[in-house]
N, C-alpha and C. Protein backbone atom coordinates (compact mmCIF):
# COMPACT_ATOMS: atom_id res chain seq x y z
N UNK A 1 0.90 -1.48 0.31
CA UNK A 1 0.19 0.44 0.26
C UNK A 1 1.15 0.92 -0.12
N UNK A 2 2.23 0.89 0.03
CA UNK A 2 2.88 2.49 -0.30
C UNK A 2 2.52 3.68 -1.68
N UNK A 3 2.49 2.22 -2.27
CA UNK A 3 1.99 3.67 -3.54
C UNK A 3 0.49 4.02 -3.34
N UNK A 4 -0.40 3.77 -2.54
CA UNK A 4 -1.69 4.01 -2.42
C UNK A 4 -1.29 5.06 -0.73
N UNK A 5 -0.14 5.11 -0.29
CA UNK A 5 -0.08 6.21 0.52
C UNK A 5 1.00 7.22 -0.28
N UNK A 6 1.43 7.28 -1.26
CA UNK A 6 2.62 8.05 -1.66
C UNK A 6 1.27 9.35 -2.88
N UNK A 7 0.07 8.42 -2.99
CA UNK A 7 -1.29 9.10 -3.76
C UNK A 7 -1.47 9.72 -2.88
N UNK A 8 -1.27 10.26 -1.76
CA UNK A 8 -3.44 10.40 -0.86
C UNK A 8 -4.01 9.38 -0.38
N UNK A 9 -4.71 8.16 -1.56
CA UNK A 9 -5.73 7.82 -1.53
C UNK A 9 -6.02 6.45 -0.30
N UNK A 10 -4.63 6.74 1.17
CA UNK A 10 -4.67 5.87 1.97
C UNK A 10 -3.42 6.74 3.07
N UNK A 11 -3.72 6.25 4.19
CA UNK A 11 -2.73 6.99 5.51
C UNK A 11 -2.13 5.92 6.45
N UNK A 12 -1.53 6.01 7.39
CA UNK A 12 -0.74 5.46 8.11
C UNK A 12 -2.21 4.53 9.04
N UNK A 13 -2.74 4.92 8.91
CA UNK A 13 -4.00 4.13 9.97
C UNK A 13 -4.69 2.96 8.56
N UNK A 14 -5.19 3.56 7.33
CA UNK A 14 -5.14 2.19 6.76
C UNK A 14 -4.21 1.59 6.57
N UNK A 15 -3.53 1.78 6.04
CA UNK A 15 -1.86 0.79 6.18
C UNK A 15 -1.65 -0.56 6.86
N UNK A 16 -2.12 -0.05 8.56
CA UNK A 16 -2.07 -1.72 9.10
C UNK A 16 -3.15 -2.55 8.96
N UNK A 17 -2.51 -3.68 9.28
CA UNK A 17 -3.45 -4.74 8.86
C UNK A 17 -4.17 -5.15 10.18
N UNK A 18 -4.08 -4.86 10.70
CA UNK A 18 -4.98 -4.90 11.93
C UNK A 18 -4.96 -3.15 12.84
N UNK A 19 -5.83 -2.87 13.78
CA UNK A 19 -6.00 -1.83 14.43
C UNK A 19 -5.36 -2.06 15.73
N UNK A 20 -5.45 -0.78 16.25
CA UNK A 20 -4.53 -0.80 18.27
C UNK A 20 -5.73 -1.67 18.85
N UNK A 21 -7.12 -1.15 18.78
CA UNK A 21 -7.72 -2.13 19.41
C UNK A 21 -7.63 -4.05 19.36
N UNK A 22 -6.85 -4.29 18.20
CA UNK A 22 -7.13 -6.04 17.67
C UNK A 22 -5.59 -6.40 18.94
N UNK A 23 -4.34 -5.22 18.81
CA UNK A 23 -3.87 -5.65 19.92
C UNK A 23 -3.71 -5.57 21.27
N UNK A 24 -4.67 -4.61 21.79
CA UNK A 24 -4.41 -4.87 23.07
C UNK A 24 -5.17 -6.21 23.30
N UNK A 25 -5.90 -5.80 22.49
CA UNK A 25 -7.94 -7.39 23.55
C UNK A 25 -6.72 -8.41 23.29
N UNK A 26 -6.01 -8.78 22.58
CA UNK A 26 -5.59 -10.09 22.56
C UNK A 26 -3.63 -9.91 23.30
N UNK A 27 -3.59 -8.74 24.10
CA UNK A 27 -2.19 -8.23 25.23
C UNK A 27 -0.84 -8.90 24.79
N UNK A 28 -1.13 -8.19 23.12
CA UNK A 28 0.23 -8.14 22.08
C UNK A 28 0.84 -7.16 22.26
N UNK A 29 1.97 -7.20 22.79
CA UNK A 29 3.12 -5.63 22.51
C UNK A 29 3.77 -5.56 21.81
N UNK A 30 3.35 -4.09 20.21
CA UNK A 30 4.28 -4.67 18.95
C UNK A 30 5.58 -3.51 18.92
N UNK A 31 6.37 -3.77 18.57
CA UNK A 31 7.95 -3.67 19.16
C UNK A 31 8.75 -3.22 17.78
N UNK A 32 8.18 -1.98 17.43
CA UNK A 32 9.10 -2.14 15.46
C UNK A 32 10.88 -0.84 15.56
N UNK A 33 11.79 -1.65 14.56
CA UNK A 33 12.74 -0.76 14.61
C UNK A 33 13.67 -1.13 15.81
N UNK A 34 12.70 -2.64 16.80
CA UNK A 34 13.80 -2.76 18.39
C UNK A 34 14.98 -4.00 17.63
N UNK A 35 16.48 -3.78 18.46
CA UNK A 35 17.33 -4.85 18.29
C UNK A 35 17.27 -6.17 18.76
N UNK A 36 17.19 -7.03 18.54
CA UNK A 36 16.83 -7.94 19.89
C UNK A 36 18.73 -8.11 19.55
N UNK A 37 19.53 -9.00 20.99
CA UNK A 37 20.86 -8.84 20.77
C UNK A 37 20.60 -10.29 21.09
N UNK A 38 20.03 -11.12 22.23
CA UNK A 38 20.27 -12.23 22.39
C UNK A 38 18.77 -13.40 22.82
N UNK A 39 18.02 -14.02 22.14
CA UNK A 39 17.45 -15.01 22.78
C UNK A 39 17.67 -15.85 22.98
N UNK A 40 16.49 -16.43 24.41
CA UNK A 40 16.21 -17.81 25.51
C UNK A 40 15.65 -17.75 25.37
N UNK A 41 15.52 -19.07 23.80
CA UNK A 41 14.47 -20.09 24.09
C UNK A 41 14.17 -20.38 25.23
N UNK A 42 14.89 -20.91 26.13
CA UNK A 42 13.32 -21.96 27.24
C UNK A 42 14.10 -21.11 28.16
N UNK A 43 13.64 -19.88 28.36
CA UNK A 43 13.39 -18.85 29.17
C UNK A 43 12.34 -18.49 28.96
N UNK A 44 12.02 -18.31 28.05
CA UNK A 44 10.99 -17.43 26.95
C UNK A 44 11.16 -15.46 27.19
N UNK A 45 12.90 -15.56 26.95
CA UNK A 45 13.22 -14.44 27.39
C UNK A 45 14.33 -13.66 26.02
N UNK A 46 14.07 -12.35 25.73
CA UNK A 46 14.71 -11.78 24.97
C UNK A 46 15.63 -10.25 25.20
N UNK A 47 16.41 -10.29 24.89
CA UNK A 47 17.22 -9.08 25.56
C UNK A 47 17.93 -8.05 23.92
N UNK A 48 17.35 -6.80 24.46
CA UNK A 48 16.96 -5.64 22.84
C UNK A 48 18.68 -5.04 23.11
N UNK A 49 19.26 -4.75 22.74
CA UNK A 49 20.59 -3.92 21.81
C UNK A 49 20.36 -3.11 23.38
N UNK A 50 19.89 -2.69 23.53
CA UNK A 50 19.57 -1.31 25.47
C UNK A 50 19.65 -1.90 26.45
N UNK A 51 19.70 -3.05 26.78
CA UNK A 51 19.43 -3.91 27.47
C UNK A 51 18.60 -4.85 28.45
N UNK A 52 17.76 -3.90 28.02
CA UNK A 52 16.43 -4.63 28.41
C UNK A 52 16.00 -5.57 28.29
N UNK A 53 15.45 -5.95 29.18
CA UNK A 53 15.04 -7.43 28.56
C UNK A 53 13.27 -7.69 29.10
N UNK A 54 12.94 -8.52 27.94
CA UNK A 54 11.46 -9.35 27.44
C UNK A 54 11.39 -10.45 27.77
N UNK A 55 10.15 -10.76 28.58
CA UNK A 55 9.92 -12.45 28.70
C UNK A 55 8.51 -12.07 27.70
N UNK A 56 8.63 -13.47 27.02
CA UNK A 56 7.23 -13.72 26.58
C UNK A 56 6.74 -15.22 26.45
N UNK A 57 5.17 -14.98 26.24
CA UNK A 57 4.48 -17.02 25.69
C UNK A 57 4.68 -17.12 25.08
N UNK A 58 4.67 -15.74 23.37
CA UNK A 58 4.83 -16.38 22.10
C UNK A 58 5.48 -15.72 20.99
N UNK A 59 6.31 -15.98 20.67
CA UNK A 59 7.10 -14.27 19.51
C UNK A 59 7.28 -14.32 18.80
N UNK A 60 6.95 -13.64 17.98
CA UNK A 60 6.52 -13.76 16.44
C UNK A 60 8.05 -12.34 15.91
N UNK A 61 8.66 -13.10 15.66
CA UNK A 61 10.40 -11.81 15.02
C UNK A 61 9.95 -12.18 13.24
N UNK A 62 9.23 -11.13 13.32
CA UNK A 62 9.67 -10.33 11.78
C UNK A 62 10.09 -9.35 10.99
N UNK A 63 11.54 -9.96 10.66
CA UNK A 63 13.07 -9.77 10.71
C UNK A 63 12.68 -8.66 9.03
N UNK A 64 11.53 -8.34 8.67
CA UNK A 64 11.69 -7.63 6.78
C UNK A 64 12.90 -7.89 6.09
N UNK A 65 13.01 -7.81 5.45
CA UNK A 65 13.25 -7.60 3.83
C UNK A 65 13.60 -6.18 3.06
N UNK A 66 15.15 -7.05 2.75
CA UNK A 66 15.90 -5.64 1.49
C UNK A 66 15.36 -5.90 0.01
N UNK A 67 14.69 -5.03 -0.34
CA UNK A 67 14.70 -5.71 -2.21
C UNK A 67 16.02 -4.76 -2.56
N UNK A 68 16.54 -6.40 -4.02
CA UNK A 68 16.95 -5.45 -4.62
C UNK A 68 16.63 -4.26 -5.76
N UNK A 69 17.59 -3.94 -5.55
CA UNK A 69 17.25 -2.44 -6.78
C UNK A 69 18.36 -2.32 -7.55
N UNK A 70 18.83 -2.88 -8.35
CA UNK A 70 19.47 -2.39 -10.03
C UNK A 70 20.62 -1.14 -9.82
N UNK A 71 21.97 -1.64 -9.92
CA UNK A 71 22.08 -0.73 -10.30
C UNK A 71 22.50 -0.39 -11.56
N UNK A 72 22.15 1.65 -11.31
CA UNK A 72 21.41 1.67 -12.74
C UNK A 72 22.24 3.70 -12.84
N UNK A 73 22.27 3.79 -13.97
CA UNK A 73 23.47 5.15 -14.49
C UNK A 73 21.86 6.37 -13.81
N UNK A 74 22.09 6.75 -13.09
CA UNK A 74 21.27 8.21 -12.47
C UNK A 74 20.81 7.90 -11.48
N UNK A 75 20.95 6.81 -10.55
CA UNK A 75 19.70 6.35 -9.82
C UNK A 75 20.15 7.26 -8.58
N UNK A 76 21.81 7.99 -8.04
CA UNK A 76 21.34 8.50 -7.12
C UNK A 76 21.02 10.13 -7.51
N UNK A 77 20.26 10.95 -7.84
CA UNK A 77 20.61 12.31 -8.81
C UNK A 77 18.81 12.25 -8.71
N UNK A 78 19.06 13.67 -7.54
CA UNK A 78 17.78 13.77 -7.35
C UNK A 78 16.58 14.19 -8.19
N UNK A 79 15.70 13.50 -7.24
CA UNK A 79 14.05 12.65 -8.05
C UNK A 79 13.87 12.08 -8.54
N UNK A 80 14.77 10.90 -7.99
CA UNK A 80 14.91 9.52 -8.79
C UNK A 80 14.87 8.65 -7.17
N UNK A 81 13.58 8.23 -7.08
CA UNK A 81 13.48 7.31 -5.99
C UNK A 81 13.10 6.09 -5.95
N UNK A 82 13.06 5.38 -5.24
CA UNK A 82 12.07 3.52 -4.62
C UNK A 82 11.48 4.33 -3.60
N UNK A 83 10.45 2.94 -3.57
CA UNK A 83 10.31 3.67 -2.48
C UNK A 83 9.09 1.70 -1.45
N UNK A 84 10.36 1.56 -1.42
CA UNK A 84 9.77 -0.40 -0.70
C UNK A 84 9.95 0.34 0.80
N UNK A 85 9.99 1.18 1.58
CA UNK A 85 10.10 1.39 3.24
C UNK A 85 9.11 2.40 3.24
N UNK A 86 8.48 2.55 4.61
CA UNK A 86 7.65 3.82 4.58
C UNK A 86 8.02 5.17 4.96
N UNK A 87 10.09 5.21 5.08
CA UNK A 87 10.76 6.30 5.50
C UNK A 87 10.71 6.64 3.63
N UNK A 88 11.03 5.58 2.87
CA UNK A 88 11.22 6.26 1.08
C UNK A 88 10.26 7.02 0.91
N UNK A 89 8.06 6.37 1.20
CA UNK A 89 7.26 6.88 0.67
C UNK A 89 7.28 8.39 0.83
N UNK A 90 7.35 8.81 2.49
CA UNK A 90 7.21 9.54 2.95
C UNK A 90 8.58 10.92 2.36
N UNK A 91 9.37 10.48 1.99
CA UNK A 91 10.16 11.29 1.10
C UNK A 91 9.96 12.06 -0.31
N UNK A 92 9.15 10.82 -0.59
CA UNK A 92 8.64 10.50 -2.26
C UNK A 92 7.23 11.50 -2.11
N UNK A 93 6.44 11.66 -0.66
CA UNK A 93 5.66 12.60 -0.83
C UNK A 93 5.47 14.06 -0.65
N UNK A 94 7.13 14.07 0.31
CA UNK A 94 7.65 15.77 0.36
C UNK A 94 7.64 16.22 -0.37
N UNK A 95 8.25 15.74 -1.68
CA UNK A 95 9.39 16.22 -2.62
C UNK A 95 8.60 16.17 -3.11
N UNK A 96 6.85 15.70 -4.44
CA UNK A 96 5.85 15.69 -4.50
C UNK A 96 4.85 17.02 -3.89
N UNK A 97 5.21 17.79 -3.29
CA UNK A 97 4.04 18.93 -2.46
C UNK A 97 4.96 19.50 -2.60
N UNK A 98 6.47 19.80 -2.47
CA UNK A 98 7.11 20.50 -2.53
C UNK A 98 7.12 21.82 -3.75
């Protein structure tokens, strides 16, 4: 839905697969952009890069991905964009508005 965000057809709330109430209802804590440095499966704990230890009943590790963008002449020029992440889309949208 990144193209919908850039075009204005969607906002951040619409892009979510589940709303915040869904996660609260099921006692789910979502942590985005947090690096896990240690995972202890037998104790059901993990350690974040800032040293915080988190215990869990069930754990989903969604590591994301990085799409391949082939090298091509001119791709570094101002006004040339890829948009595979939210921050990419926000930069593109800001350029369109400017």
